[in-house]
Amino acid sequence: MAQSTKPESESTINLVTDILKTIDREREREIIARRFGLFDRKETLELIGELLGITRERVRQLEKSVVMRLKATAEQHELPHLVEFQARLLKILSELGQVARVSDLTAKLGTNTSREEQARVSFLAQLCPDLVVINEDDNFYHSVAIKKVHDEKALKTEVAKLVESIKKVNEPKPISDIAQAANIADPVHAEALATTSKQLATLNKRWGLVKWPAVNPKNIRDKIYVILKEKGKHLHFNEIAVAIKDSDFKRKDVTTQAIHNELIKDSRFVLIGRGIYALKEWGYERGTVSDIIATVLKKENGPLHRDEIVKRVLKSRYVKETTILLNLQGKPQFKRVAKATYSLAE
C-alpha cells in the first residue's frame, strides 16, 4: 500500500469532516465547528445563538451533549480514523515527554501550524480516550497529555512543584537541577511539564520564572544584561550588538546605537573603558578614572606609590596605564607627597 503524500493539515481536515458527518443534525454540526474554530475563527455562544436563532444557554447545552456523545463513540473505537490519529499523537507525546503544548504538538504533526490547524488537533485530542486536554487559562497554555501518565489535576500539581522549586532556587537553572529539586525523576518529562506553564520561561537551556529578565528579557536593557551575564566578562557595545543578533531572543533587530543608549541609562551597567561595559553586580562602580583613583586613595587612607594606584585602578577600569597617570598627575585633587607617591589633596 502506497504511503499517503497528503499534507498533515489536509489529513486533519478530512478526519474532522468525517467525524462531523457522524453528527445527525446539521445545527449541532454547525455548533461544534464554530465553537471549536475547526475551519475558521472560534465563535462565542452569543454569536452562534444569534446565528441559529437559539439562546446562549441552549448552544452551550447542545455543545456539551454532542461532545459527550462523540467521546462515548470514541471509547467504542467507532469514530472514523480516530484510533490511528490517537496512535500518532501518543507516539509524538512520548517523544516530547508525555505532555506538550498544542502548538508544539501541531508543529510535530506537520508544517501547518495555523490557528485553525491547532484548533482541529485540540478538538481531536479531546475525543481521544487515552489523552487529556488542558485548556488555556491564566496559568497554563493549551496542552495535551497522555492520560495514563497524568490526569489534569495531577499534571497541574506536578507543574506547581516545578514552579515552587524554581522559586526556592531563586535563580535560573538547567531543567535537570530543577527536576531534582521537585523530585521528578525524568528531566525530559519535567521540561515537558514546564513548557505548559505560563509562569515559567527558558533561555539558553536554563529555566526560571517568566518575570525574571534572565530567562524572559522583555526590552533592550534586559537583553544586554542577559548577554553580559552569559558571557561573564566586560564587552564593547559593538560586541554586545553582535551577540544579541546571534542570540535566541525573540526580537533581535536592535540597532547598535539603541544598545549604546540603554547601556548609558541603566545603572546595572558600568562604563569601564572606551565603549566597554561591565555589570555593576561584578563589583564595578560608576565614575571617571579620577573618581576611581580617589576611591582607591580613600580606601587606603594614606599615600600610595603610583604603580600600586595603577594596579588597583586597572582592576575596575579597562584603560591604558598612561590614562591613569595623566589623571593622577593632572588633577588638582591629587598631590605628590614623595617620589612617585600620591595622596588626596586636602
Protein backbone atom coordinates (compact mmCIF):
# COMPACT_ATOMS: atom_id res chain seq x y z
CA MET A 1 0.00 0.00 0.00
CA ALA A 2 1.49 3.35 -1.05
CA GLN A 3 2.22 5.85 1.71
CA SER A 4 -0.07 8.90 1.74
CA THR A 5 1.51 12.11 0.45
CA LYS A 6 -1.26 14.37 1.75
CA PRO A 7 -0.16 17.28 3.97
CA GLU A 8 -0.95 16.68 7.64
CA SER A 9 -3.35 19.66 7.67
CA GLU A 10 -5.37 18.10 4.83
CA SER A 11 -5.40 14.86 6.79
CA THR A 12 -6.84 16.55 9.91
CA ILE A 13 -9.42 18.44 7.84
CA ASN A 14 -10.63 15.18 6.32
CA LEU A 15 -10.67 13.47 9.71
CA VAL A 16 -12.61 16.30 11.35
CA THR A 17 -15.04 16.38 8.42
CA ASP A 18 -15.65 12.63 8.68
CA ILE A 19 -16.27 12.91 12.42
CA LEU A 20 -18.69 15.81 11.95
CA LYS A 21 -20.62 13.65 9.47
CA THR A 22 -21.41 11.25 12.31
CA ILE A 23 -23.47 14.03 13.92
CA ASP A 24 -27.00 13.66 12.55
CA ARG A 25 -28.30 17.19 12.94
CA GLU A 26 -26.84 19.98 10.85
CA ARG A 27 -27.39 22.55 13.60
CA GLU A 28 -25.26 20.52 16.01
CA ARG A 29 -22.52 20.11 13.41
CA GLU A 30 -22.56 23.87 12.94
CA ILE A 31 -22.25 24.49 16.66
CA ILE A 32 -19.25 22.17 17.05
CA ALA A 33 -17.45 23.55 14.01
CA ARG A 34 -17.93 27.15 15.11
CA ARG A 35 -17.31 26.68 18.84
CA PHE A 36 -14.01 24.85 18.28
CA GLY A 37 -12.94 27.01 15.32
CA LEU A 38 -12.39 23.95 13.13
CA PHE A 39 -12.48 25.82 9.82
CA ASP A 40 -12.48 29.47 10.82
CA ARG A 41 -12.03 31.52 13.98
CA LYS A 42 -13.73 30.35 17.18
CA GLU A 43 -17.09 31.97 17.88
CA THR A 44 -18.85 32.82 21.12
CA LEU A 45 -22.01 31.22 22.46
CA GLU A 46 -23.86 34.51 21.92
CA LEU A 47 -22.81 34.85 18.29
CA ILE A 48 -23.75 31.28 17.43
CA GLY A 49 -27.05 31.67 19.26
CA GLU A 50 -27.93 34.74 17.21
CA LEU A 51 -26.96 32.94 14.00
CA LEU A 52 -29.08 29.87 14.76
CA GLY A 53 -31.94 31.68 16.50
CA ILE A 54 -31.49 29.98 19.89
CA THR A 55 -30.32 31.13 23.31
CA ARG A 56 -26.74 31.22 24.51
CA GLU A 57 -27.56 28.59 27.13
CA ARG A 58 -29.08 26.28 24.55
CA VAL A 59 -25.91 26.49 22.44
CA ARG A 60 -23.85 25.55 25.50
CA GLN A 61 -26.13 22.59 26.28
CA LEU A 62 -26.00 21.28 22.73
CA GLU A 63 -22.22 21.64 22.55
CA LYS A 64 -21.77 19.70 25.78
CA SER A 65 -24.22 16.99 24.73
CA VAL A 66 -22.62 16.45 21.31
CA VAL A 67 -19.07 16.31 22.71
CA MET A 68 -20.16 13.74 25.30
CA ARG A 69 -21.74 11.59 22.56
CA LEU A 70 -18.63 11.83 20.40
CA LYS A 71 -16.41 10.82 23.34
CA ALA A 72 -18.66 7.86 24.09
CA THR A 73 -18.43 6.76 20.46
CA ALA A 74 -14.67 7.20 20.56
CA GLU A 75 -14.49 4.96 23.64
CA GLN A 76 -16.03 2.23 21.49
CA HIS A 77 -13.43 2.90 18.75
CA GLU A 78 -16.22 3.80 16.35
CA LEU A 79 -15.22 7.30 15.25
CA PRO A 80 -13.65 7.22 11.77
CA HIS A 81 -9.82 7.06 11.77
CA LEU A 82 -9.54 8.41 15.35
CA VAL A 83 -7.74 5.29 16.63
CA GLU A 84 -4.95 5.82 14.10
CA PHE A 85 -4.77 9.54 14.83
CA GLN A 86 -4.56 8.90 18.57
CA ALA A 87 -1.70 6.46 17.99
CA ARG A 88 0.23 9.19 16.15
CA LEU A 89 -0.36 11.67 18.95
CA LEU A 90 0.70 9.15 21.59
CA LYS A 91 3.94 8.48 19.73
CA ILE A 92 4.75 12.18 19.42
CA LEU A 93 3.85 12.90 23.03
CA SER A 94 6.07 10.05 24.22
CA GLU A 95 8.97 11.61 22.33
CA LEU A 96 8.24 15.07 23.73
CA GLY A 97 7.97 13.95 27.37
CA GLN A 98 4.35 12.75 27.77
CA VAL A 99 2.87 16.25 27.52
CA ALA A 100 3.12 19.14 25.05
CA ARG A 101 1.56 22.43 24.16
CA VAL A 102 -0.94 22.17 21.31
CA SER A 103 1.24 24.49 19.22
CA ASP A 104 4.26 22.19 19.62
CA LEU A 105 2.20 19.08 19.01
CA THR A 106 0.75 20.58 15.83
CA ALA A 107 4.21 21.54 14.61
CA LYS A 108 5.37 17.94 15.08
CA LEU A 109 2.39 16.62 13.13
CA GLY A 110 3.07 18.72 10.04
CA THR A 111 4.21 22.02 8.59
CA ASN A 112 0.91 23.87 9.03
CA THR A 113 0.71 25.48 12.47
CA SER A 114 -2.19 27.84 11.73
CA ARG A 115 -4.76 28.70 14.37
CA GLU A 116 -7.35 26.52 12.63
CA GLU A 117 -4.97 23.55 12.44
CA GLN A 118 -4.21 23.86 16.15
CA ALA A 119 -7.95 24.00 16.84
CA ARG A 120 -8.51 20.78 14.87
CA VAL A 121 -5.70 18.97 16.68
CA SER A 122 -7.09 20.11 20.04
CA PHE A 123 -10.63 19.03 19.12
CA LEU A 124 -9.48 15.58 18.00
CA ALA A 125 -7.32 15.19 21.11
CA GLN A 126 -10.32 15.90 23.32
CA LEU A 127 -12.14 12.97 21.72
CA CYS A 128 -9.20 10.55 22.14
CA PRO A 129 -9.84 8.27 25.15
CA ASP A 130 -6.16 7.99 26.09
CA LEU A 131 -5.44 11.72 26.07
CA VAL A 132 -6.27 14.65 28.32
CA VAL A 133 -6.53 18.26 27.14
CA ILE A 134 -5.53 21.18 29.38
CA ASN A 135 -7.47 24.27 28.35
CA GLU A 136 -5.67 27.60 28.29
CA ASP A 137 -6.09 29.91 31.29
CA ASP A 138 -4.03 32.47 33.20
CA ASN A 139 -1.52 29.84 34.36
CA PHE A 140 -1.44 27.22 31.59
CA TYR A 141 -1.03 27.05 27.84
CA HIS A 142 -3.40 24.91 25.77
CA SER A 143 -1.79 21.48 26.13
CA VAL A 144 -2.29 17.75 25.60
CA ALA A 145 -1.03 14.95 27.86
CA ILE A 146 -1.04 11.16 27.97
CA LYS A 147 -3.83 10.26 30.38
CA LYS A 148 -2.18 7.19 31.91
CA VAL A 149 0.78 9.39 32.96
CA HIS A 150 -1.20 12.33 34.34
CA ASP A 151 -4.80 13.39 34.53
CA GLU A 152 -5.41 17.15 34.54
CA LYS A 153 -5.26 17.54 38.33
CA ALA A 154 -2.05 15.50 38.70
CA LEU A 155 -0.37 17.36 35.84
CA LYS A 156 -1.13 20.74 37.36
CA THR A 157 0.17 19.51 40.72
CA GLU A 158 3.47 18.46 39.13
CA VAL A 159 3.80 21.83 37.39
CA ALA A 160 3.13 23.59 40.70
CA LYS A 161 6.02 21.61 42.23
CA LEU A 162 8.32 22.83 39.47
CA VAL A 163 7.26 26.44 39.99
CA GLU A 164 7.82 26.22 43.75
CA SER A 165 11.22 24.59 43.28
CA ILE A 166 12.32 27.39 40.95
CA LYS A 167 11.14 29.99 43.47
CA LYS A 168 13.23 28.32 46.18
CA VAL A 169 16.32 28.08 43.98
CA ASN A 170 15.73 31.76 43.17
CA GLU A 171 17.88 31.81 40.02
CA PRO A 172 17.72 30.30 36.54
CA LYS A 173 18.91 26.68 36.48
CA PRO A 174 19.10 23.78 34.00
CA ILE A 175 15.97 21.63 33.99
CA SER A 176 17.93 18.68 35.46
CA ASP A 177 18.60 20.71 38.63
CA ILE A 178 15.01 21.87 38.86
CA ALA A 179 13.64 18.35 38.27
CA GLN A 180 15.82 17.04 41.08
CA ALA A 181 14.63 19.78 43.43
CA ALA A 182 11.00 18.96 42.54
CA ASN A 183 11.55 15.18 42.94
CA ILE A 184 10.71 14.50 39.29
CA ALA A 185 12.90 11.60 38.11
CA ASP A 186 12.91 12.29 34.35
CA PRO A 187 14.30 15.72 33.29
CA VAL A 188 12.72 15.34 29.82
CA HIS A 189 9.30 14.92 31.42
CA ALA A 190 10.00 17.81 33.80
CA GLU A 191 10.85 20.08 30.86
CA ALA A 192 7.70 18.99 29.03
CA LEU A 193 5.65 19.89 32.11
CA ALA A 194 7.43 23.24 32.39
CA THR A 195 6.53 24.18 28.81
CA THR A 196 2.82 24.06 29.70
CA SER A 197 3.16 26.72 32.41
CA LYS A 198 2.72 30.44 31.76
CA GLN A 199 4.61 31.10 34.99
CA LEU A 200 7.87 29.68 33.63
CA ALA A 201 10.24 30.61 30.81
CA THR A 202 13.51 29.30 29.42
CA LEU A 203 16.54 30.79 27.72
CA ASN A 204 19.92 29.25 26.94
CA LYS A 205 18.79 25.93 28.45
CA ARG A 206 18.04 27.47 31.84
CA TRP A 207 14.58 27.75 33.38
CA GLY A 208 13.16 30.41 35.66
CA LEU A 209 10.09 32.47 36.46
CA VAL A 210 8.62 34.33 33.49
CA LYS A 211 9.10 37.62 35.35
CA TRP A 212 12.88 37.10 35.50
CA PRO A 213 14.71 39.09 32.79
CA ALA A 214 17.46 36.44 32.70
CA VAL A 215 15.09 33.94 31.04
CA ASN A 216 12.46 36.27 29.62
CA PRO A 217 14.07 39.57 28.57
CA LYS A 218 11.35 41.99 27.51
CA ASN A 219 13.36 45.04 26.47
CA ILE A 220 16.81 46.02 25.17
CA ARG A 221 18.22 46.57 28.66
CA ASP A 222 17.21 43.10 29.79
CA LYS A 223 18.78 41.57 26.68
CA ILE A 224 22.03 43.43 27.32
CA TYR A 225 22.02 42.17 30.89
CA VAL A 226 21.50 38.56 29.75
CA ILE A 227 24.35 38.81 27.22
CA LEU A 228 26.83 40.21 29.77
CA LYS A 229 25.71 37.68 32.38
CA GLU A 230 26.08 34.78 29.95
CA LYS A 231 29.50 35.93 28.69
CA GLY A 232 30.71 36.60 32.22
CA LYS A 233 33.04 39.39 31.15
CA HIS A 234 33.10 43.01 30.01
CA LEU A 235 32.24 43.70 26.36
CA HIS A 236 32.36 46.58 23.90
CA PHE A 237 28.89 47.78 22.90
CA ASN A 238 29.56 46.60 19.33
CA GLU A 239 30.24 43.10 20.67
CA ILE A 240 27.01 43.23 22.66
CA ALA A 241 25.10 44.19 19.49
CA VAL A 242 26.55 41.23 17.59
CA ALA A 243 25.78 38.86 20.48
CA ILE A 244 22.13 39.98 20.58
CA LYS A 245 21.77 39.41 16.83
CA ASP A 246 23.24 35.90 17.24
CA SER A 247 21.07 35.07 20.26
CA ASP A 248 17.82 33.11 20.69
CA PHE A 249 15.88 36.24 21.67
CA LYS A 250 12.50 36.70 20.02
CA ARG A 251 13.31 40.21 18.81
CA LYS A 252 16.89 40.73 17.69
CA ASP A 253 16.57 43.64 15.24
CA VAL A 254 18.11 46.20 17.60
CA THR A 255 20.42 48.95 16.40
CA THR A 256 23.90 49.39 17.88
CA GLN A 257 23.03 52.99 18.76
CA ALA A 258 19.96 51.89 20.70
CA ILE A 259 22.08 49.40 22.64
CA HIS A 260 24.67 52.09 23.46
CA ASN A 261 21.93 54.45 24.65
CA GLU A 262 20.49 51.83 27.02
CA LEU A 263 23.95 51.00 28.39
CA ILE A 264 24.39 54.65 29.32
CA LYS A 265 20.97 54.95 31.00
CA ASP A 266 20.78 51.74 33.04
CA SER A 267 22.54 51.70 36.44
CA ARG A 268 23.16 47.95 36.10
CA PHE A 269 25.89 48.68 33.55
CA VAL A 270 29.20 50.42 34.24
CA LEU A 271 31.46 52.00 31.63
CA ILE A 272 34.95 50.66 32.39
CA GLY A 273 36.75 51.63 29.20
CA ARG A 274 36.17 53.33 25.88
CA GLY A 275 32.84 51.81 24.81
CA ILE A 276 33.42 48.84 27.15
CA TYR A 277 30.80 47.91 29.73
CA ALA A 278 30.54 45.51 32.67
CA LEU A 279 27.86 44.63 35.22
CA LYS A 280 27.71 46.65 38.41
CA GLU A 281 26.99 43.44 40.33
CA TRP A 282 30.52 42.27 39.49
CA GLY A 283 31.83 44.93 41.88
CA TYR A 284 32.32 47.79 39.45
CA GLU A 285 31.42 51.36 40.43
CA ARG A 286 30.33 54.16 38.18
CA GLY A 287 32.66 57.12 37.73
CA THR A 288 35.55 58.57 35.79
CA VAL A 289 39.13 57.32 36.07
CA SER A 290 39.88 60.16 38.52
CA ASP A 291 36.87 59.08 40.61
CA ILE A 292 38.30 55.57 40.82
CA ILE A 293 41.74 56.90 41.80
CA ALA A 294 40.10 58.95 44.55
CA THR A 295 38.22 55.87 45.79
CA VAL A 296 41.47 53.86 45.87
CA LEU A 297 43.21 56.54 47.93
CA LYS A 298 40.27 56.94 50.29
CA LYS A 299 40.21 53.21 50.98
CA GLU A 300 43.97 53.24 51.59
CA ASN A 301 43.54 56.26 53.88
CA GLY A 302 47.05 57.36 53.04
CA PRO A 303 49.56 57.83 50.22
CA LEU A 304 50.30 55.15 47.62
CA HIS A 305 53.00 54.59 45.04
CA ARG A 306 51.78 55.31 41.52
CA ASP A 307 52.46 51.71 40.43
CA GLU A 308 50.14 50.44 43.15
CA ILE A 309 47.50 53.02 42.24
CA VAL A 310 47.67 51.91 38.59
CA LYS A 311 47.42 48.25 39.62
CA ARG A 312 44.29 48.84 41.73
CA VAL A 313 42.57 51.09 39.17
CA LEU A 314 43.10 48.52 36.43
CA LYS A 315 41.06 46.04 38.47
CA SER A 316 37.96 48.12 37.80
CA ARG A 317 38.78 50.02 34.61
CA TYR A 318 39.83 48.75 31.18
CA VAL A 319 42.04 51.71 30.24
CA LYS A 320 45.66 52.39 29.37
CA GLU A 321 48.18 52.99 32.17
CA THR A 322 49.01 56.35 30.66
CA THR A 323 45.38 57.45 31.10
CA ILE A 324 45.60 56.71 34.82
CA LEU A 325 48.93 58.51 35.17
CA LEU A 326 47.67 61.58 33.30
CA ASN A 327 44.68 61.80 35.67
CA LEU A 328 46.90 61.28 38.68
CA GLN A 329 49.37 63.99 37.66
CA GLY A 330 46.96 66.46 36.11
CA LYS A 331 44.04 66.61 38.55
CA PRO A 332 44.19 69.05 41.47
CA GLN A 333 42.51 66.56 43.81
CA PHE A 334 45.72 64.51 43.93
CA LYS A 335 49.13 65.65 45.21
CA ARG A 336 52.57 64.12 45.10
CA VAL A 337 53.90 63.64 48.60
CA ALA A 338 57.11 61.76 47.73
CA LYS A 339 58.87 60.35 44.71
CA ALA A 340 56.16 58.67 42.51
CA THR A 341 53.88 58.61 45.59
CA TYR A 342 50.48 60.32 45.76
CA SER A 343 47.68 61.08 48.18
CA LEU A 344 44.44 63.03 48.12
CA ALA A 345 44.81 66.79 48.30
CA GLU A 346 43.32 68.30 51.41
